[in-house]
Amino acid sequence: GPPPQPAFSEAQKWIEQVTGRSFGDKDFRTGLENGILLCELLNAIKPGLVKKINRLPTPIAGLDNIILFL
């Protein structure tokens, strides 16, 4: 695919540093779409902010996490 935009690359690096997690081989959008990393990011910045991260591999679980993040 096209090379990632510099802003995505910077944001990805920052998220990986703050959470201690890796996107692995996923691109920026795919790495964030289940919302788990976003919730972990919030908890890294403010521990306990997101009480329960939904780790089930379903679209609804991802939606739950995105809503919690927002």
Protein backbone atom coordinates (compact mmCIF):
# COMPACT_ATOMS: atom_id res chain seq x y z
CA GLY A 1 0.00 0.00 0.00
CA PRO A 2 0.97 3.66 0.07
CA PRO A 3 3.60 4.73 2.60
CA PRO A 4 2.07 5.83 5.91
CA GLN A 5 1.67 9.54 6.44
CA PRO A 6 4.28 11.04 8.79
CA ALA A 7 1.60 12.06 11.31
CA PHE A 8 0.31 8.47 11.53
CA SER A 9 3.84 7.20 11.93
CA GLU A 10 4.58 9.67 14.74
CA ALA A 11 1.28 8.94 16.50
CA GLN A 12 1.88 5.19 16.21
CA LYS A 13 5.37 5.52 17.70
CA TRP A 14 3.99 7.61 20.56
CA ILE A 15 1.15 5.16 21.30
CA GLU A 16 3.62 2.25 21.26
CA GLN A 17 5.97 4.08 23.65
CA VAL A 18 3.23 5.09 26.08
CA THR A 19 1.43 1.72 26.14
CA GLY A 20 4.48 -0.52 25.77
CA ARG A 21 2.55 -2.37 23.06
CA SER A 22 3.32 -2.85 19.40
CA PHE A 23 1.13 -2.50 16.34
CA GLY A 24 3.08 -5.44 14.90
CA ASP A 25 2.39 -5.75 11.19
CA LYS A 26 -0.90 -3.79 11.36
CA ASP A 27 -1.20 -0.36 9.82
CA PHE A 28 -2.30 2.61 11.92
CA ARG A 29 -6.03 2.24 11.34
CA THR A 30 -6.11 -1.55 11.69
CA GLY A 31 -4.03 -1.38 14.85
CA LEU A 32 -6.56 0.93 16.47
CA GLU A 33 -9.87 -0.32 15.11
CA ASN A 34 -10.66 -2.76 17.95
CA GLY A 35 -10.13 0.08 20.44
CA ILE A 36 -7.94 -1.98 22.79
CA LEU A 37 -4.78 0.08 22.24
CA LEU A 38 -6.78 3.31 22.59
CA CYS A 39 -8.17 2.20 25.96
CA GLU A 40 -4.72 1.03 27.07
CA LEU A 41 -3.39 4.44 26.05
CA LEU A 42 -5.94 6.18 28.28
CA ASN A 43 -5.07 3.87 31.19
CA ALA A 44 -1.36 4.53 30.67
CA ILE A 45 -2.00 8.28 30.88
CA LYS A 46 -4.58 8.07 33.68
CA PRO A 47 -4.55 4.66 35.40
CA GLY A 48 -7.98 3.14 36.02
CA LEU A 49 -9.80 5.49 33.65
CA VAL A 50 -11.13 2.62 31.54
CA LYS A 51 -12.37 0.00 34.01
CA LYS A 52 -12.98 -2.87 31.60
CA ILE A 53 -11.44 -3.24 28.15
CA ASN A 54 -13.41 -5.64 25.95
CA ARG A 55 -10.85 -8.05 24.45
CA LEU A 56 -13.27 -10.27 22.55
CA PRO A 57 -12.44 -10.41 18.82
CA THR A 58 -15.84 -9.15 17.66
CA PRO A 59 -16.94 -5.92 15.97
CA ILE A 60 -19.26 -5.15 18.90
CA ALA A 61 -16.36 -5.48 21.37
CA GLY A 62 -14.37 -3.02 19.28
CA LEU A 63 -17.30 -0.62 19.20
CA ASP A 64 -17.60 -0.86 23.01
CA ASN A 65 -13.92 0.08 23.36
CA ILE A 66 -14.13 2.97 20.89
CA ILE A 67 -17.17 4.35 22.74
CA LEU A 68 -15.30 4.08 26.08
CA PHE A 69 -12.33 5.86 24.51
CA LEU A 70 -14.47 8.69 23.14
